[in-house]
């Protein structure tokens, strides 16, 4: 995460950057093995996805145990949603 940066402040210009973000789990959805986590901080929401195509099974399993208001820190790469 850039110094002083927040998860909810990331924008499309940040695509391709590796970041570390932290915040509260706002919502978790498991859509057939792909897990989506809405991460909330004081700047807003960031959607984090855990896809088996690029995420290891232990990380997928850990993401599947997250619940609302859990506090987490996540490292990953910013990728834009497909059109």
C-alpha atoms as a PDB file:
ATOM      1  CA  UNK A   1       0.000   0.000   0.000  1.00  0.00           C
ATOM      2  CA  UNK A   2       1.375   3.411  -0.786  1.00  0.00           C
ATOM      3  CA  UNK A   3       2.327   5.460   2.288  1.00  0.00           C
ATOM      4  CA  UNK A   4      -0.822   7.013   3.729  1.00  0.00           C
ATOM      5  CA  UNK A   5      -2.944   5.133   1.142  1.00  0.00           C
ATOM      6  CA  UNK A   6      -6.200   3.382   1.894  1.00  0.00           C
ATOM      7  CA  UNK A   7      -7.943   0.385   0.293  1.00  0.00           C
ATOM      8  CA  UNK A   8     -11.011   2.457  -0.560  1.00  0.00           C
ATOM      9  CA  UNK A   9      -8.832   5.087  -2.229  1.00  0.00           C
ATOM     10  CA  UNK A  10      -7.352   2.757  -4.876  1.00  0.00           C
ATOM     11  CA  UNK A  11      -8.349   3.629  -8.445  1.00  0.00           C
ATOM     12  CA  UNK A  12      -7.976   2.252 -11.970  1.00  0.00           C
ATOM     13  CA  UNK A  13      -4.670   4.122 -12.268  1.00  0.00           C
ATOM     14  CA  UNK A  14      -3.330   1.709  -9.621  1.00  0.00           C
ATOM     15  CA  UNK A  15      -3.881  -1.336 -11.903  1.00  0.00           C
ATOM     16  CA  UNK A  16      -0.831  -3.563 -12.064  1.00  0.00           C
ATOM     17  CA  UNK A  17       0.535  -2.442  -8.690  1.00  0.00           C
ATOM     18  CA  UNK A  18       1.196  -4.894  -5.881  1.00  0.00           C
ATOM     19  CA  UNK A  19      -0.360  -3.620  -2.679  1.00  0.00           C
ATOM     20  CA  UNK A  20      -1.000  -4.569   0.923  1.00  0.00           C
ATOM     21  CA  UNK A  21      -4.390  -3.452   2.224  1.00  0.00           C
ATOM     22  CA  UNK A  22      -6.094  -3.861   5.576  1.00  0.00           C
ATOM     23  CA  UNK A  23      -9.600  -3.335   6.829  1.00  0.00           C
ATOM     24  CA  UNK A  24     -12.831  -4.947   7.923  1.00  0.00           C
ATOM     25  CA  UNK A  25     -14.632  -7.649   5.967  1.00  0.00           C
ATOM     26  CA  UNK A  26     -17.885  -6.050   4.894  1.00  0.00           C
ATOM     27  CA  UNK A  27     -19.286  -8.982   2.910  1.00  0.00           C
ATOM     28  CA  UNK A  28     -18.173 -12.397   1.616  1.00  0.00           C
ATOM     29  CA  UNK A  29     -19.623 -14.267  -1.375  1.00  0.00           C
ATOM     30  CA  UNK A  30     -18.609 -17.723  -2.604  1.00  0.00           C
ATOM     31  CA  UNK A  31     -19.676 -18.108  -6.211  1.00  0.00           C
ATOM     32  CA  UNK A  32     -18.818 -21.693  -7.037  1.00  0.00           C
ATOM     33  CA  UNK A  33     -15.264 -21.646  -5.736  1.00  0.00           C
ATOM     34  CA  UNK A  34     -14.381 -18.048  -6.540  1.00  0.00           C
ATOM     35  CA  UNK A  35     -14.601 -16.056  -3.319  1.00  0.00           C
ATOM     36  CA  UNK A  36     -15.274 -12.330  -3.302  1.00  0.00           C
ATOM     37  CA  UNK A  37     -14.572 -10.219  -0.224  1.00  0.00           C
ATOM     38  CA  UNK A  38     -15.669  -6.611   0.080  1.00  0.00           C
ATOM     39  CA  UNK A  39     -12.972  -5.015   2.228  1.00  0.00           C
ATOM     40  CA  UNK A  40     -13.937  -1.801   4.019  1.00  0.00           C
ATOM     41  CA  UNK A  41     -11.796   0.927   5.488  1.00  0.00           C
ATOM     42  CA  UNK A  42     -12.443   4.576   6.270  1.00  0.00           C
ATOM     43  CA  UNK A  43     -11.983   5.516   2.588  1.00  0.00           C
ATOM     44  CA  UNK A  44     -14.543   3.056   1.210  1.00  0.00           C
ATOM     45  CA  UNK A  45     -14.772  -0.441  -0.250  1.00  0.00           C
ATOM     46  CA  UNK A  46     -12.400  -2.605  -2.277  1.00  0.00           C
ATOM     47  CA  UNK A  47     -13.466  -5.902  -3.834  1.00  0.00           C
ATOM     48  CA  UNK A  48     -10.918  -8.684  -3.368  1.00  0.00           C
ATOM     49  CA  UNK A  49     -11.263 -11.908  -5.358  1.00  0.00           C
ATOM     50  CA  UNK A  50      -9.782 -15.312  -4.610  1.00  0.00           C
ATOM     51  CA  UNK A  51      -9.840 -17.344  -7.826  1.00  0.00           C
ATOM     52  CA  UNK A  52      -8.507 -20.920  -7.863  1.00  0.00           C
ATOM     53  CA  UNK A  53      -6.777 -20.147 -11.191  1.00  0.00           C
ATOM     54  CA  UNK A  54      -4.239 -17.931  -9.407  1.00  0.00           C
ATOM     55  CA  UNK A  55      -4.780 -18.483  -5.663  1.00  0.00           C
ATOM     56  CA  UNK A  56      -3.401 -21.456  -3.730  1.00  0.00           C
ATOM     57  CA  UNK A  57      -5.867 -23.905  -2.110  1.00  0.00           C
ATOM     58  CA  UNK A  58      -4.817 -22.991   1.469  1.00  0.00           C
ATOM     59  CA  UNK A  59      -5.503 -19.293   0.771  1.00  0.00           C
ATOM     60  CA  UNK A  60      -8.893 -20.120  -0.810  1.00  0.00           C
ATOM     61  CA  UNK A  61      -9.750 -22.222   2.260  1.00  0.00           C
ATOM     62  CA  UNK A  62      -8.752 -19.371   4.600  1.00  0.00           C
ATOM     63  CA  UNK A  63     -10.778 -16.831   2.586  1.00  0.00           C
ATOM     64  CA  UNK A  64     -13.807 -19.115   2.820  1.00  0.00           C
ATOM     65  CA  UNK A  65     -13.695 -18.887   6.637  1.00  0.00           C
ATOM     66  CA  UNK A  66     -13.897 -15.071   6.738  1.00  0.00           C
ATOM     67  CA  UNK A  67     -16.940 -13.499   8.302  1.00  0.00           C
ATOM     68  CA  UNK A  68     -18.456 -10.065   8.558  1.00  0.00           C
ATOM     69  CA  UNK A  69     -16.359  -7.577  10.561  1.00  0.00           C
ATOM     70  CA  UNK A  70     -13.247  -9.781  10.596  1.00  0.00           C
ATOM     71  CA  UNK A  71     -10.123  -7.610  10.411  1.00  0.00           C
ATOM     72  CA  UNK A  72      -7.727  -8.737   7.693  1.00  0.00           C
ATOM     73  CA  UNK A  73      -4.600  -7.712   5.848  1.00  0.00           C
ATOM     74  CA  UNK A  74      -4.335  -8.823   2.220  1.00  0.00           C
ATOM     75  CA  UNK A  75      -1.446  -8.667  -0.231  1.00  0.00           C
ATOM     76  CA  UNK A  76      -2.083  -8.808  -3.947  1.00  0.00           C
ATOM     77  CA  UNK A  77      -2.080  -7.165  -7.320  1.00  0.00           C
ATOM     78  CA  UNK A  78      -4.630  -4.576  -8.437  1.00  0.00           C
ATOM     79  CA  UNK A  79      -6.486  -5.885 -11.490  1.00  0.00           C
ATOM     80  CA  UNK A  80      -9.335  -4.115 -13.272  1.00  0.00           C
ATOM     81  CA  UNK A  81     -12.645  -5.908 -13.640  1.00  0.00           C
ATOM     82  CA  UNK A  82     -13.159  -7.389 -17.088  1.00  0.00           C
ATOM     83  CA  UNK A  83     -15.554  -5.409 -19.302  1.00  0.00           C
END
